[in-house]
Amino acid sequence: MEIGIIGSGHIGGTLTRRLSSLGHGVAVTNSRGAESLTDLATEAGARAADLEEAVQGAELVVIAIPLKAVPELPAALFDGKLVVDANNYYPERDGDIPELTDRSLSSSRWTADHLKGARVVKVFNTIQAAHLMDEGKPAGTPGRIGLPVAGDDEEAKRIVMGLVDELGFDPVDAGTLDESWRQQPDTPVYGTDRDADGVREGLATARP
């Protein structure tokens, strides 16, 4: 699969390395320009790219940037694209976003509203980067970490769940984007490395 990754921080950099190692074609971009990505691209066997190149040539695009930067993305570029939202809302970093502060929207719905036309799926926001890098296990391994996957487009969700499994984690259907608040920070599944049954339990017991 051709994959574009926007963001080269902890999660973006880890996914660049992992997905490249699995044989996917990965183009990575960030706000500092392709020249800042030379070392990461060389190490991972990926391509450093500008934003337009990374998105246009991709079958799937991962967004792993500070949430406050999402409105700066050119929405038309993402029209029809399968977009993986790996972001979280951290007010101390992202500032006051009223719809998220008052929890009238999930952060993934807020992202989808900015990227109208994109097929947004929420995943990779609950796991630490080091565990995403090192803790993937073959299917059927006892205690295999489960990752919640939320989205409105069932085909897009199915594709992303397959990628999660390929990375060594159990994908757990977490419902729609509006239900994805159940996997945001301060919920039972956030940062806790539960197995699939534990993720289902955590999603069910989450409270707004």
N, C-alpha and C. Protein backbone atom coordinates (compact mmCIF):
# COMPACT_ATOMS: atom_id res chain seq x y z
N MET A 1 0.84 -1.19 0.00
CA MET A 1 0.00 0.00 0.00
C MET A 1 0.88 1.25 0.00
N GLU A 2 0.45 2.27 -0.71
CA GLU A 2 1.15 3.55 -0.68
C GLU A 2 0.56 4.39 0.45
N ILE A 3 1.40 4.79 1.38
CA ILE A 3 0.95 5.47 2.59
C ILE A 3 1.67 6.81 2.74
N GLY A 4 0.91 7.85 3.00
CA GLY A 4 1.48 9.15 3.32
C GLY A 4 1.35 9.40 4.81
N ILE A 5 2.40 9.91 5.42
CA ILE A 5 2.38 10.19 6.86
C ILE A 5 2.69 11.67 7.05
N ILE A 6 1.76 12.37 7.67
CA ILE A 6 1.93 13.79 7.97
C ILE A 6 2.31 13.90 9.44
N GLY A 7 3.56 14.26 9.68
CA GLY A 7 4.07 14.33 11.04
C GLY A 7 5.19 13.34 11.24
N SER A 8 6.27 13.80 11.84
CA SER A 8 7.45 12.95 12.03
C SER A 8 7.85 12.86 13.50
N GLY A 9 6.90 13.14 14.39
CA GLY A 9 7.17 13.04 15.82
C GLY A 9 7.11 11.61 16.30
N HIS A 10 6.73 11.42 17.55
CA HIS A 10 6.79 10.09 18.15
C HIS A 10 5.94 9.06 17.37
N ILE A 11 4.67 9.38 17.15
CA ILE A 11 3.80 8.43 16.46
C ILE A 11 4.07 8.42 14.96
N GLY A 12 4.18 9.59 14.35
CA GLY A 12 4.44 9.65 12.91
C GLY A 12 5.76 9.00 12.53
N GLY A 13 6.80 9.26 13.31
CA GLY A 13 8.09 8.64 13.03
C GLY A 13 8.07 7.14 13.23
N THR A 14 7.37 6.70 14.27
CA THR A 14 7.28 5.25 14.52
C THR A 14 6.53 4.55 13.41
N LEU A 15 5.41 5.11 12.98
CA LEU A 15 4.66 4.50 11.89
C LEU A 15 5.45 4.53 10.58
N THR A 16 6.24 5.55 10.37
CA THR A 16 7.10 5.59 9.19
C THR A 16 8.04 4.39 9.20
N ARG A 17 8.64 4.13 10.33
CA ARG A 17 9.59 3.01 10.45
C ARG A 17 8.87 1.66 10.32
N ARG A 18 7.78 1.50 11.07
CA ARG A 18 7.10 0.20 11.11
C ARG A 18 6.47 -0.15 9.77
N LEU A 19 5.77 0.79 9.18
CA LEU A 19 5.07 0.50 7.93
C LEU A 19 6.05 0.29 6.78
N SER A 20 7.15 1.01 6.79
CA SER A 20 8.19 0.77 5.78
C SER A 20 8.77 -0.62 5.93
N SER A 21 8.99 -1.04 7.17
CA SER A 21 9.59 -2.35 7.42
C SER A 21 8.67 -3.48 6.97
N LEU A 22 7.37 -3.20 6.89
CA LEU A 22 6.40 -4.21 6.44
C LEU A 22 6.25 -4.23 4.93
N GLY A 23 6.99 -3.37 4.24
CA GLY A 23 6.98 -3.38 2.78
C GLY A 23 6.07 -2.37 2.13
N HIS A 24 5.43 -1.52 2.92
CA HIS A 24 4.59 -0.47 2.34
C HIS A 24 5.46 0.66 1.80
N GLY A 25 4.98 1.32 0.77
CA GLY A 25 5.66 2.51 0.27
C GLY A 25 5.23 3.70 1.11
N VAL A 26 6.16 4.33 1.82
CA VAL A 26 5.82 5.39 2.75
C VAL A 26 6.48 6.69 2.33
N ALA A 27 5.66 7.74 2.23
CA ALA A 27 6.15 9.10 2.03
C ALA A 27 5.82 9.89 3.29
N VAL A 28 6.83 10.50 3.90
CA VAL A 28 6.62 11.22 5.16
C VAL A 28 6.87 12.71 4.94
N THR A 29 6.06 13.51 5.58
CA THR A 29 6.19 14.96 5.46
C THR A 29 5.97 15.61 6.82
N ASN A 30 6.46 16.83 6.95
CA ASN A 30 6.20 17.60 8.17
C ASN A 30 6.22 19.09 7.83
N SER A 31 6.00 19.92 8.83
CA SER A 31 5.91 21.36 8.60
C SER A 31 7.27 22.01 8.38
N ARG A 32 8.34 21.29 8.64
CA ARG A 32 9.69 21.87 8.52
C ARG A 32 10.32 21.63 7.16
N GLY A 33 9.69 20.82 6.33
CA GLY A 33 10.21 20.60 4.99
C GLY A 33 10.95 19.28 4.85
N ALA A 34 11.01 18.81 3.60
CA ALA A 34 11.57 17.49 3.32
C ALA A 34 13.03 17.36 3.75
N GLU A 35 13.77 18.47 3.68
CA GLU A 35 15.19 18.39 4.04
C GLU A 35 15.40 18.01 5.49
N SER A 36 14.40 18.28 6.36
CA SER A 36 14.52 17.93 7.78
C SER A 36 14.25 16.45 8.03
N LEU A 37 13.82 15.74 6.99
CA LEU A 37 13.42 14.34 7.14
C LEU A 37 14.42 13.37 6.53
N THR A 38 15.56 13.86 6.12
CA THR A 38 16.53 13.01 5.43
C THR A 38 16.96 11.83 6.28
N ASP A 39 17.28 12.09 7.54
CA ASP A 39 17.77 11.00 8.41
C ASP A 39 16.68 9.95 8.64
N LEU A 40 15.46 10.40 8.95
CA LEU A 40 14.36 9.46 9.19
C LEU A 40 14.07 8.65 7.93
N ALA A 41 14.00 9.32 6.80
CA ALA A 41 13.69 8.62 5.56
C ALA A 41 14.76 7.59 5.21
N THR A 42 16.01 7.95 5.41
CA THR A 42 17.11 7.02 5.11
C THR A 42 17.06 5.82 6.03
N GLU A 43 16.87 6.08 7.33
CA GLU A 43 16.81 4.99 8.31
C GLU A 43 15.66 4.04 8.02
N ALA A 44 14.49 4.61 7.67
CA ALA A 44 13.28 3.80 7.54
C ALA A 44 13.11 3.19 6.15
N GLY A 45 13.84 3.72 5.17
CA GLY A 45 13.59 3.29 3.80
C GLY A 45 12.34 3.91 3.23
N ALA A 46 12.02 5.12 3.72
CA ALA A 46 10.86 5.86 3.27
C ALA A 46 11.31 7.02 2.37
N ARG A 47 10.36 7.81 1.89
CA ARG A 47 10.66 8.97 1.08
C ARG A 47 10.28 10.23 1.83
N ALA A 48 11.17 11.19 1.87
CA ALA A 48 10.84 12.51 2.38
C ALA A 48 10.09 13.26 1.28
N ALA A 49 8.99 13.91 1.64
CA ALA A 49 8.13 14.52 0.63
C ALA A 49 7.55 15.83 1.15
N ASP A 50 7.03 16.63 0.21
CA ASP A 50 6.23 17.76 0.65
C ASP A 50 4.79 17.27 0.85
N LEU A 51 3.96 18.12 1.42
CA LEU A 51 2.61 17.70 1.79
C LEU A 51 1.82 17.21 0.59
N GLU A 52 1.84 17.96 -0.49
CA GLU A 52 1.04 17.59 -1.66
C GLU A 52 1.47 16.24 -2.22
N GLU A 53 2.76 16.01 -2.31
CA GLU A 53 3.27 14.74 -2.82
C GLU A 53 2.87 13.58 -1.91
N ALA A 54 3.00 13.77 -0.60
CA ALA A 54 2.70 12.70 0.35
C ALA A 54 1.23 12.30 0.30
N VAL A 55 0.35 13.26 0.09
CA VAL A 55 -1.09 12.97 0.10
C VAL A 55 -1.58 12.48 -1.25
N GLN A 56 -1.18 13.14 -2.33
CA GLN A 56 -1.72 12.81 -3.64
C GLN A 56 -1.41 11.38 -4.07
N GLY A 57 -0.23 10.90 -3.74
CA GLY A 57 0.16 9.57 -4.18
C GLY A 57 -0.23 8.46 -3.24
N ALA A 58 -0.97 8.79 -2.18
CA ALA A 58 -1.24 7.81 -1.12
C ALA A 58 -2.62 7.18 -1.25
N GLU A 59 -2.69 5.89 -0.91
CA GLU A 59 -3.97 5.20 -0.76
C GLU A 59 -4.53 5.42 0.64
N LEU A 60 -3.65 5.72 1.58
CA LEU A 60 -4.03 5.96 2.97
C LEU A 60 -3.09 7.03 3.52
N VAL A 61 -3.65 7.98 4.25
CA VAL A 61 -2.86 9.07 4.82
C VAL A 61 -3.02 9.07 6.34
N VAL A 62 -1.91 9.09 7.06
CA VAL A 62 -1.93 9.18 8.52
C VAL A 62 -1.64 10.63 8.91
N ILE A 63 -2.46 11.17 9.79
CA ILE A 63 -2.22 12.50 10.33
C ILE A 63 -1.81 12.34 11.79
N ALA A 64 -0.57 12.74 12.08
CA ALA A 64 -0.03 12.64 13.45
C ALA A 64 0.69 13.95 13.75
N ILE A 65 -0.09 15.00 13.95
CA ILE A 65 0.42 16.34 14.19
C ILE A 65 -0.34 16.95 15.36
N PRO A 66 0.16 18.05 15.93
CA PRO A 66 -0.66 18.72 16.95
C PRO A 66 -2.04 19.04 16.39
N LEU A 67 -3.06 18.77 17.16
CA LEU A 67 -4.43 18.93 16.67
C LEU A 67 -4.69 20.36 16.19
N LYS A 68 -4.09 21.34 16.85
CA LYS A 68 -4.34 22.73 16.48
C LYS A 68 -3.89 23.04 15.06
N ALA A 69 -3.04 22.17 14.46
CA ALA A 69 -2.55 22.41 13.11
C ALA A 69 -3.48 21.84 12.04
N VAL A 70 -4.47 21.06 12.43
CA VAL A 70 -5.35 20.43 11.43
C VAL A 70 -6.06 21.45 10.54
N PRO A 71 -6.59 22.58 11.08
CA PRO A 71 -7.26 23.54 10.20
C PRO A 71 -6.34 24.18 9.16
N GLU A 72 -5.03 24.07 9.35
CA GLU A 72 -4.09 24.62 8.37
C GLU A 72 -3.91 23.71 7.17
N LEU A 73 -4.36 22.45 7.26
CA LEU A 73 -4.24 21.52 6.14
C LEU A 73 -5.23 21.90 5.04
N PRO A 74 -4.83 21.85 3.77
CA PRO A 74 -5.75 22.18 2.68
C PRO A 74 -6.77 21.06 2.47
N ALA A 75 -7.99 21.30 2.90
CA ALA A 75 -9.01 20.24 2.94
C ALA A 75 -9.23 19.60 1.57
N ALA A 76 -9.17 20.39 0.50
CA ALA A 76 -9.46 19.84 -0.83
C ALA A 76 -8.47 18.75 -1.21
N LEU A 77 -7.26 18.82 -0.67
CA LEU A 77 -6.24 17.82 -0.98
C LEU A 77 -6.63 16.43 -0.47
N PHE A 78 -7.48 16.39 0.55
CA PHE A 78 -7.84 15.13 1.20
C PHE A 78 -9.18 14.58 0.72
N ASP A 79 -9.82 15.25 -0.21
CA ASP A 79 -11.14 14.82 -0.67
C ASP A 79 -11.08 13.39 -1.22
N GLY A 80 -11.89 12.51 -0.64
CA GLY A 80 -11.93 11.12 -1.06
C GLY A 80 -10.85 10.23 -0.48
N LYS A 81 -9.91 10.80 0.25
CA LYS A 81 -8.81 10.02 0.81
C LYS A 81 -9.22 9.30 2.09
N LEU A 82 -8.63 8.13 2.29
CA LEU A 82 -8.75 7.42 3.56
C LEU A 82 -7.72 8.04 4.51
N VAL A 83 -8.21 8.68 5.55
CA VAL A 83 -7.35 9.42 6.47
C VAL A 83 -7.40 8.77 7.86
N VAL A 84 -6.25 8.39 8.37
CA VAL A 84 -6.14 7.88 9.73
C VAL A 84 -5.80 9.04 10.67
N ASP A 85 -6.67 9.28 11.61
CA ASP A 85 -6.48 10.34 12.60
C ASP A 85 -5.85 9.72 13.85
N ALA A 86 -4.58 10.02 14.06
CA ALA A 86 -3.85 9.49 15.22
C ALA A 86 -3.69 10.54 16.31
N ASN A 87 -4.44 11.63 16.22
CA ASN A 87 -4.23 12.78 17.09
C ASN A 87 -5.03 12.69 18.39
N ASN A 88 -4.60 13.49 19.35
CA ASN A 88 -5.34 13.72 20.58
C ASN A 88 -5.40 15.22 20.85
N TYR A 89 -6.44 15.62 21.55
CA TYR A 89 -6.57 17.02 21.97
C TYR A 89 -5.95 17.19 23.34
N TYR A 90 -4.90 18.00 23.40
CA TYR A 90 -4.26 18.37 24.66
C TYR A 90 -4.38 19.88 24.81
N PRO A 91 -5.27 20.37 25.64
CA PRO A 91 -5.50 21.82 25.74
C PRO A 91 -4.23 22.61 26.06
N GLU A 92 -3.34 22.04 26.86
CA GLU A 92 -2.13 22.77 27.22
C GLU A 92 -1.22 22.99 26.01
N ARG A 93 -1.35 22.16 25.00
CA ARG A 93 -0.57 22.32 23.76
C ARG A 93 -1.39 22.98 22.66
N ASP A 94 -2.64 22.56 22.52
CA ASP A 94 -3.46 22.97 21.39
C ASP A 94 -4.29 24.22 21.65
N GLY A 95 -4.30 24.69 22.90
CA GLY A 95 -5.11 25.86 23.23
C GLY A 95 -6.58 25.50 23.39
N ASP A 96 -7.39 26.52 23.56
CA ASP A 96 -8.82 26.32 23.80
C ASP A 96 -9.55 26.16 22.48
N ILE A 97 -10.05 24.97 22.23
CA ILE A 97 -10.91 24.70 21.07
C ILE A 97 -12.29 24.45 21.66
N PRO A 98 -13.19 25.43 21.58
CA PRO A 98 -14.45 25.36 22.36
C PRO A 98 -15.23 24.08 22.19
N GLU A 99 -15.35 23.57 20.95
CA GLU A 99 -16.15 22.36 20.72
C GLU A 99 -15.54 21.14 21.41
N LEU A 100 -14.24 21.19 21.64
CA LEU A 100 -13.56 20.07 22.30
C LEU A 100 -13.48 20.29 23.81
N THR A 101 -13.32 21.55 24.21
CA THR A 101 -13.30 21.85 25.64
C THR A 101 -14.63 21.50 26.28
N ASP A 102 -15.74 21.84 25.59
CA ASP A 102 -17.06 21.53 26.17
C ASP A 102 -17.54 20.13 25.79
N ARG A 103 -16.71 19.41 25.01
CA ARG A 103 -16.97 18.02 24.64
C ARG A 103 -18.25 17.84 23.83
N SER A 104 -18.63 18.88 23.10
CA SER A 104 -19.78 18.73 22.21
C SER A 104 -19.42 17.93 20.96
N LEU A 105 -18.12 17.84 20.65
CA LEU A 105 -17.63 17.03 19.54
C LEU A 105 -16.48 16.16 20.02
N SER A 106 -16.35 14.96 19.43
CA SER A 106 -15.11 14.20 19.60
C SER A 106 -14.03 14.87 18.77
N SER A 107 -12.78 14.66 19.12
CA SER A 107 -11.71 15.30 18.36
C SER A 107 -11.64 14.77 16.93
N SER A 108 -12.02 13.52 16.72
CA SER A 108 -12.00 12.98 15.36
C SER A 108 -13.14 13.55 14.52
N ARG A 109 -14.31 13.80 15.12
CA ARG A 109 -15.39 14.47 14.38
C ARG A 109 -14.97 15.88 14.01
N TRP A 110 -14.31 16.56 14.93
CA TRP A 110 -13.81 17.91 14.66
C TRP A 110 -12.83 17.90 13.49
N THR A 111 -11.94 16.89 13.48
CA THR A 111 -11.00 16.75 12.37
C THR A 111 -11.73 16.46 11.07
N ALA A 112 -12.69 15.55 11.10
CA ALA A 112 -13.45 15.22 9.89
C ALA A 112 -14.22 16.43 9.37
N ASP A 113 -14.70 17.27 10.26
CA ASP A 113 -15.41 18.47 9.83
C ASP A 113 -14.48 19.42 9.07
N HIS A 114 -13.21 19.43 9.44
CA HIS A 114 -12.24 20.28 8.74
C HIS A 114 -11.80 19.66 7.42
N LEU A 115 -11.82 18.35 7.35
CA LEU A 115 -11.36 17.65 6.15
C LEU A 115 -12.56 17.02 5.44
N LYS A 116 -13.54 17.84 5.12
CA LYS A 116 -14.77 17.35 4.51
C LYS A 116 -14.45 16.61 3.22
N GLY A 117 -15.06 15.45 3.05
CA GLY A 117 -14.79 14.62 1.88
C GLY A 117 -13.81 13.51 2.15
N ALA A 118 -13.04 13.62 3.25
CA ALA A 118 -12.10 12.55 3.63
C ALA A 118 -12.85 11.45 4.38
N ARG A 119 -12.35 10.24 4.26
CA ARG A 119 -12.91 9.07 4.97
C ARG A 119 -12.05 8.87 6.22
N VAL A 120 -12.44 9.47 7.32
CA VAL A 120 -11.61 9.55 8.52
C VAL A 120 -11.84 8.33 9.41
N VAL A 121 -10.73 7.74 9.87
CA VAL A 121 -10.76 6.63 10.81
C VAL A 121 -9.82 6.97 11.97
N LYS A 122 -10.28 6.77 13.19
CA LYS A 122 -9.49 7.10 14.38
C LYS A 122 -8.80 5.86 14.93
N VAL A 123 -7.46 5.93 15.06
CA VAL A 123 -6.69 4.84 15.66
C VAL A 123 -5.28 5.34 15.94
N PHE A 124 -4.53 4.59 16.73
CA PHE A 124 -3.14 4.87 17.11
C PHE A 124 -3.01 6.03 18.11
N ASN A 125 -4.13 6.54 18.62
CA ASN A 125 -4.05 7.63 19.57
C ASN A 125 -3.97 7.16 21.01
N THR A 126 -4.15 5.85 21.24
CA THR A 126 -4.20 5.34 22.61
C THR A 126 -2.92 4.65 23.05
N ILE A 127 -1.98 4.46 22.15
CA ILE A 127 -0.79 3.65 22.46
C ILE A 127 0.46 4.52 22.47
N GLN A 128 1.37 4.21 23.41
CA GLN A 128 2.64 4.91 23.45
C GLN A 128 3.48 4.53 22.24
N ALA A 129 4.26 5.49 21.74
CA ALA A 129 5.06 5.25 20.54
C ALA A 129 6.03 4.08 20.72
N ALA A 130 6.65 3.98 21.88
CA ALA A 130 7.60 2.89 22.11
C ALA A 130 6.92 1.53 22.03
N HIS A 131 5.68 1.45 22.51
CA HIS A 131 4.96 0.19 22.45
C HIS A 131 4.47 -0.09 21.03
N LEU A 132 4.11 0.95 20.31
CA LEU A 132 3.75 0.78 18.90
C LEU A 132 4.94 0.26 18.11
N MET A 133 6.12 0.66 18.50
CA MET A 133 7.34 0.22 17.82
C MET A 133 7.70 -1.22 18.16
N ASP A 134 7.58 -1.59 19.44
CA ASP A 134 8.20 -2.84 19.91
C ASP A 134 7.24 -3.93 20.37
N GLU A 135 5.97 -3.62 20.59
CA GLU A 135 5.09 -4.57 21.25
C GLU A 135 4.13 -5.29 20.31
N GLY A 136 4.28 -5.14 19.02
CA GLY A 136 3.43 -5.88 18.10
C GLY A 136 3.70 -7.38 18.18
N LYS A 137 2.64 -8.18 18.15
CA LYS A 137 2.76 -9.63 18.28
C LYS A 137 1.92 -10.32 17.21
N PRO A 138 2.24 -11.58 16.87
CA PRO A 138 1.42 -12.32 15.90
C PRO A 138 -0.01 -12.50 16.41
N ALA A 139 -0.94 -12.58 15.47
CA ALA A 139 -2.33 -12.82 15.83
C ALA A 139 -2.46 -14.09 16.66
N GLY A 140 -3.28 -14.04 17.68
CA GLY A 140 -3.49 -15.19 18.54
C GLY A 140 -2.59 -15.24 19.74
N THR A 141 -1.58 -14.35 19.82
CA THR A 141 -0.69 -14.32 20.98
C THR A 141 -1.48 -13.86 22.21
N PRO A 142 -1.44 -14.61 23.31
CA PRO A 142 -2.14 -14.17 24.52
C PRO A 142 -1.65 -12.79 24.97
N GLY A 143 -2.59 -11.94 25.35
CA GLY A 143 -2.24 -10.62 25.82
C GLY A 143 -1.89 -9.63 24.73
N ARG A 144 -2.07 -10.00 23.47
CA ARG A 144 -1.80 -9.08 22.37
C ARG A 144 -2.57 -7.77 22.58
N ILE A 145 -1.90 -6.65 22.44
CA ILE A 145 -2.51 -5.35 22.70
C ILE A 145 -3.62 -5.07 21.68
N GLY A 146 -4.74 -4.62 22.17
CA GLY A 146 -5.84 -4.22 21.31
C GLY A 146 -5.84 -2.72 21.09
N LEU A 147 -6.21 -2.30 19.89
CA LEU A 147 -6.31 -0.88 19.56
C LEU A 147 -7.71 -0.57 19.05
N PRO A 148 -8.39 0.40 19.66
CA PRO A 148 -9.72 0.77 19.19
C PRO A 148 -9.65 1.51 17.86
N VAL A 149 -10.58 1.18 16.98
CA VAL A 149 -10.64 1.76 15.64
C VAL A 149 -12.05 2.28 15.43
N ALA A 150 -12.20 3.60 15.25
CA ALA A 150 -13.52 4.22 15.09
C ALA A 150 -13.62 4.89 13.73
N GLY A 151 -14.80 4.82 13.13
CA GLY A 151 -15.01 5.48 11.85
C GLY A 151 -16.43 5.30 11.36
N ASP A 152 -16.86 6.16 10.46
CA ASP A 152 -18.20 6.08 9.90
C ASP A 152 -18.27 5.24 8.64
N ASP A 153 -17.16 5.16 7.91
CA ASP A 153 -17.09 4.44 6.64
C ASP A 153 -16.62 3.02 6.93
N GLU A 154 -17.50 2.04 6.75
CA GLU A 154 -17.17 0.67 7.12
C GLU A 154 -16.04 0.09 6.28
N GLU A 155 -16.00 0.41 5.00
CA GLU A 155 -14.92 -0.11 4.17
C GLU A 155 -13.58 0.48 4.61
N ALA A 156 -13.56 1.79 4.87
CA ALA A 156 -12.33 2.43 5.34
C ALA A 156 -11.88 1.82 6.67
N LYS A 157 -12.83 1.58 7.56
CA LYS A 157 -12.51 0.99 8.85
C LYS A 157 -11.93 -0.42 8.67
N ARG A 158 -12.50 -1.18 7.76
CA ARG A 158 -12.00 -2.54 7.51
C ARG A 158 -10.55 -2.51 7.02
N ILE A 159 -10.23 -1.60 6.13
CA ILE A 159 -8.87 -1.49 5.61
C ILE A 159 -7.90 -1.14 6.74
N VAL A 160 -8.31 -0.19 7.56
CA VAL A 160 -7.44 0.24 8.66
C VAL A 160 -7.28 -0.86 9.70
N MET A 161 -8.33 -1.59 9.98
CA MET A 161 -8.24 -2.70 10.94
C MET A 161 -7.27 -3.77 10.43
N GLY A 162 -7.26 -3.99 9.13
CA GLY A 162 -6.29 -4.92 8.56
C GLY A 162 -4.87 -4.44 8.76
N LEU A 163 -4.65 -3.15 8.64
CA LEU A 163 -3.31 -2.58 8.85
C LEU A 163 -2.89 -2.70 10.31
N VAL A 164 -3.82 -2.47 11.22
CA VAL A 164 -3.54 -2.62 12.65
C VAL A 164 -3.10 -4.05 12.95
N ASP A 165 -3.82 -5.02 12.39
CA ASP A 165 -3.47 -6.43 12.59
C ASP A 165 -2.09 -6.73 12.01
N GLU A 166 -1.80 -6.17 10.84
CA GLU A 166 -0.50 -6.38 10.21
C GLU A 166 0.64 -5.84 11.08
N LEU A 167 0.37 -4.76 11.78
CA LEU A 167 1.37 -4.16 12.68
C LEU A 167 1.56 -4.96 13.97
N GLY A 168 0.66 -5.92 14.23
CA GLY A 168 0.83 -6.77 15.39
C GLY A 168 -0.08 -6.48 16.56
N PHE A 169 -1.22 -5.84 16.28
CA PHE A 169 -2.16 -5.48 17.34
C PHE A 169 -3.56 -5.95 16.95
N ASP A 170 -4.40 -6.20 17.96
CA ASP A 170 -5.77 -6.64 17.71
C ASP A 170 -6.66 -5.42 17.48
N PRO A 171 -7.22 -5.27 16.27
CA PRO A 171 -8.14 -4.15 16.04
C PRO A 171 -9.48 -4.41 16.70
N VAL A 172 -10.01 -3.40 17.35
CA VAL A 172 -11.30 -3.51 18.02
C VAL A 172 -12.22 -2.42 17.46
N ASP A 173 -13.35 -2.81 16.93
CA ASP A 173 -14.30 -1.85 16.38
C ASP A 173 -14.84 -0.98 17.52
N ALA A 174 -14.55 0.31 17.44
CA ALA A 174 -14.96 1.24 18.50
C ALA A 174 -16.13 2.11 18.09
N GLY A 175 -16.82 1.73 17.01
CA GLY A 175 -18.01 2.48 16.61
C GLY A 175 -17.70 3.63 15.66
N THR A 176 -18.51 4.65 15.74
CA THR A 176 -18.44 5.78 14.82
C THR A 176 -17.49 6.86 15.34
N LEU A 177 -17.26 7.87 14.50
CA LEU A 177 -16.43 9.00 14.93
C LEU A 177 -17.04 9.71 16.13
N ASP A 178 -18.37 9.79 16.17
CA ASP A 178 -19.00 10.45 17.31
C ASP A 178 -18.82 9.66 18.59
N GLU A 179 -18.61 8.35 18.47
CA GLU A 179 -18.38 7.52 19.64
C GLU A 179 -16.90 7.45 20.04
N SER A 180 -16.03 8.05 19.24
CA SER A 180 -14.59 7.91 19.48
C SER A 180 -14.11 8.67 20.71
N TRP A 181 -14.98 9.47 21.35
CA TRP A 181 -14.59 10.07 22.63
C TRP A 181 -14.22 8.99 23.65
N ARG A 182 -14.74 7.79 23.43
CA ARG A 182 -14.46 6.69 24.36
C ARG A 182 -13.00 6.25 24.34
N GLN A 183 -12.22 6.71 23.35
CA GLN A 183 -10.80 6.35 23.29
C GLN A 183 -9.89 7.57 23.41
N GLN A 184 -10.47 8.69 23.80
CA GLN A 184 -9.68 9.91 23.97
C GLN A 184 -8.94 9.89 25.32
N PRO A 185 -8.03 10.85 25.55
CA PRO A 185 -7.35 10.91 26.85
C PRO A 185 -8.32 10.91 28.02
N ASP A 186 -7.87 10.32 29.12
CA ASP A 186 -8.63 10.23 30.36
C ASP A 186 -9.78 9.23 30.30
N THR A 187 -9.71 8.29 29.36
CA THR A 187 -10.68 7.19 29.31
C THR A 187 -9.95 5.90 29.66
N PRO A 188 -10.69 4.82 29.99
CA PRO A 188 -10.04 3.59 30.44
C PRO A 188 -9.07 2.96 29.43
N VAL A 189 -9.27 3.19 28.14
CA VAL A 189 -8.41 2.52 27.15
C VAL A 189 -7.18 3.36 26.78
N TYR A 190 -7.13 4.60 27.24
CA TYR A 190 -6.05 5.49 26.81
C TYR A 190 -4.75 5.14 27.53
N GLY A 191 -3.75 4.70 26.74
CA GLY A 191 -2.42 4.45 27.28
C GLY A 191 -2.32 3.25 28.20
N THR A 192 -3.27 2.31 28.13
CA THR A 192 -3.30 1.23 29.11
C THR A 192 -2.94 -0.15 28.57
N ASP A 193 -2.72 -0.28 27.26
CA ASP A 193 -2.25 -1.55 26.67
C ASP A 193 -3.13 -2.74 27.03
N ARG A 194 -4.42 -2.55 27.01
CA ARG A 194 -5.34 -3.66 27.27
C ARG A 194 -5.38 -4.62 26.07
N ASP A 195 -5.74 -5.88 26.33
CA ASP A 195 -5.99 -6.79 25.22
C ASP A 195 -7.35 -6.46 24.61
N ALA A 196 -7.74 -7.19 23.57
CA ALA A 196 -8.97 -6.85 22.85
C ALA A 196 -10.19 -6.85 23.77
N ASP A 197 -10.31 -7.88 24.62
CA ASP A 197 -11.46 -7.93 25.54
C ASP A 197 -11.42 -6.76 26.51
N GLY A 198 -10.21 -6.42 26.95
CA GLY A 198 -10.07 -5.29 27.86
C GLY A 198 -10.42 -3.97 27.20
N VAL A 199 -10.08 -3.84 25.92
CA VAL A 199 -10.46 -2.63 25.19
C VAL A 199 -11.97 -2.53 25.08
N ARG A 200 -12.62 -3.64 24.74
CA ARG A 200 -14.09 -3.61 24.64
C ARG A 200 -14.72 -3.20 25.98
N GLU A 201 -14.19 -3.76 27.05
CA GLU A 201 -14.70 -3.42 28.38
C GLU A 201 -14.46 -1.94 28.67
N GLY A 202 -13.25 -1.45 28.34
CA GLY A 202 -12.93 -0.05 28.60
C GLY A 202 -13.79 0.90 27.81
N LEU A 203 -14.05 0.57 26.56
CA LEU A 203 -14.92 1.42 25.74
C LEU A 203 -16.33 1.45 26.32
N ALA A 204 -16.80 0.29 26.78
CA ALA A 204 -18.16 0.20 27.30
C ALA A 204 -18.34 0.96 28.61
N THR A 205 -17.27 1.03 29.40
CA THR A 205 -17.38 1.65 30.73
C THR A 205 -16.94 3.12 30.74
N ALA A 206 -16.46 3.64 29.61
CA ALA A 206 -16.03 5.03 29.54
C ALA A 206 -17.20 5.98 29.83
N ARG A 207 -16.91 7.07 30.49
CA ARG A 207 -17.92 8.05 30.81
C ARG A 207 -17.47 9.42 30.29
N PRO A 208 -18.42 10.21 29.77
CA PRO A 208 -18.06 11.54 29.24
C PRO A 208 -17.43 12.41 30.30
